[in-house]
Amino acid sequence: MVRGLSGLGAWLLQRLSAVYLLIFPMLFALEYSRVEGHDHAALVATLARPWIGLAAGLCVFSLLTHAWVGMRDMVLDYVRPAALRLVLLVVLGGWLLVLGFWSAWLLLGVTLP
């Protein structure tokens, strides 16, 4: 079996995505606290800023990457039948891909005029 992302690479990717997922919500909350009024329009206005929208997209990508590495490692470690392992990885990858496109569609709908 060819594993393109294993060992130290997967560990590093998991840690880097975790650090970003820790930092971004704090920075977003700081930016949101600077906006006048705290309603839906203020949230959309905050996300409409170009660098915030880009950072939010990177946050979604980091979350999906973090989930993929973690779930992939669990499936590879604990699921013994190779056919079931393959099916689970394909379903998981497909589901994360759908969530990624959906999130991109939502973010682009908010950030683009």
Protein backbone atom coordinates (compact mmCIF):
# COMPACT_ATOMS: atom_id res chain seq x y z
CA MET A 1 0.00 0.00 0.00
CA VAL A 2 1.35 3.42 -0.94
CA ARG A 3 0.97 5.98 1.80
CA GLY A 4 1.75 9.45 0.57
CA LEU A 5 1.27 11.11 3.94
CA SER A 6 2.52 9.05 6.82
CA GLY A 7 4.68 9.29 9.88
CA LEU A 8 6.30 12.64 10.53
CA GLY A 9 4.50 14.39 7.63
CA ALA A 10 1.04 13.46 8.93
CA TRP A 11 2.04 14.36 12.49
CA LEU A 12 3.35 17.76 11.41
CA LEU A 13 0.29 18.51 9.26
CA GLN A 14 -2.00 17.57 12.17
CA ARG A 15 -0.12 19.87 14.57
CA LEU A 16 0.08 22.82 12.18
CA SER A 17 -3.62 22.64 11.40
CA ALA A 18 -4.39 22.41 15.13
CA VAL A 19 -2.35 25.55 15.82
CA TYR A 20 -4.17 27.46 13.07
CA LEU A 21 -7.53 26.21 14.36
CA LEU A 22 -6.58 27.54 17.77
CA ILE A 23 -5.38 30.96 16.59
CA PHE A 24 -7.94 31.89 13.90
CA PRO A 25 -11.08 31.94 16.10
CA MET A 26 -9.36 34.26 18.55
CA LEU A 27 -8.30 36.65 15.79
CA PHE A 28 -11.75 36.48 14.21
CA ALA A 29 -13.39 37.25 17.57
CA LEU A 30 -11.07 40.22 17.97
CA GLU A 31 -11.99 41.57 14.52
CA TYR A 32 -15.70 40.93 15.11
CA SER A 33 -15.57 42.76 18.43
CA ARG A 34 -14.38 45.89 16.58
CA VAL A 35 -17.50 46.03 14.38
CA GLU A 36 -20.37 48.29 15.32
CA GLY A 37 -23.35 46.18 16.38
CA HIS A 38 -23.19 42.43 16.80
CA ASP A 39 -25.83 41.06 14.47
CA HIS A 40 -25.88 39.04 11.26
CA ALA A 41 -25.04 42.08 9.13
CA ALA A 42 -21.96 42.77 11.27
CA LEU A 43 -20.87 39.16 10.91
CA VAL A 44 -21.26 39.31 7.13
CA ALA A 45 -19.40 42.62 7.04
CA THR A 46 -16.54 41.08 9.00
CA LEU A 47 -16.36 38.05 6.72
CA ALA A 48 -16.55 40.30 3.65
CA ARG A 49 -13.15 41.79 4.43
CA PRO A 50 -10.74 40.19 1.98
CA TRP A 51 -8.13 38.98 4.43
CA ILE A 52 -10.75 37.71 6.90
CA GLY A 53 -12.54 35.80 4.12
CA LEU A 54 -9.24 34.30 3.00
CA ALA A 55 -8.31 33.41 6.57
CA ALA A 56 -11.74 31.83 7.09
CA GLY A 57 -11.25 29.75 3.93
CA LEU A 58 -7.87 28.65 5.23
CA CYS A 59 -9.54 27.77 8.52
CA VAL A 60 -12.03 25.54 6.73
CA PHE A 61 -9.21 23.91 4.78
CA SER A 62 -7.26 23.39 8.01
CA LEU A 63 -10.28 21.87 9.70
CA LEU A 64 -10.90 19.46 6.83
CA THR A 65 -7.21 18.54 6.68
CA HIS A 66 -7.09 18.00 10.42
CA ALA A 67 -10.18 15.79 10.25
CA TRP A 68 -8.81 13.81 7.30
CA VAL A 69 -5.46 13.05 8.94
CA GLY A 70 -7.03 12.10 12.26
CA MET A 71 -9.80 9.92 10.83
CA ARG A 72 -7.47 8.35 8.26
CA ASP A 73 -5.01 7.37 10.97
CA MET A 74 -7.80 5.89 13.11
CA VAL A 75 -9.16 3.88 10.18
CA LEU A 76 -5.70 2.64 9.21
CA ASP A 77 -4.89 1.71 12.82
CA TYR A 78 -8.13 0.04 13.90
CA VAL A 79 -9.95 -1.31 10.84
CA ARG A 80 -8.44 -4.66 9.88
CA PRO A 81 -10.29 -5.85 6.75
CA ALA A 82 -8.66 -4.09 3.79
CA ALA A 83 -11.90 -3.82 1.80
CA LEU A 84 -13.75 -2.17 4.69
CA ARG A 85 -10.80 0.14 5.26
CA LEU A 86 -10.87 1.23 1.63
CA VAL A 87 -14.63 1.81 1.68
CA LEU A 88 -14.41 3.86 4.87
CA LEU A 89 -11.57 5.98 3.52
CA VAL A 90 -13.41 6.64 0.26
CA VAL A 91 -16.63 7.58 2.09
CA LEU A 92 -14.74 9.78 4.53
CA GLY A 93 -12.76 11.49 1.76
CA GLY A 94 -15.91 12.03 -0.29
CA TRP A 95 -17.79 13.45 2.68
CA LEU A 96 -14.95 15.84 3.55
CA LEU A 97 -14.76 16.91 -0.10
CA VAL A 98 -18.50 17.66 -0.14
CA LEU A 99 -18.14 19.66 3.07
CA GLY A 100 -15.21 21.56 1.59
CA PHE A 101 -17.10 22.55 -1.56
CA TRP A 102 -20.17 23.48 0.49
CA SER A 103 -18.08 25.64 2.82
CA ALA A 104 -16.35 27.32 -0.12
CA TRP A 105 -19.73 28.04 -1.71
CA LEU A 106 -20.99 29.59 1.53
CA LEU A 107 -17.85 31.68 2.07
CA LEU A 108 -17.78 32.89 -1.52
CA GLY A 109 -21.43 33.84 -1.24
CA VAL A 110 -20.61 36.04 1.74
CA THR A 111 -17.26 37.44 0.64
CA LEU A 112 -17.97 38.20 -3.02
CA PRO A 113 -20.33 41.07 -3.85
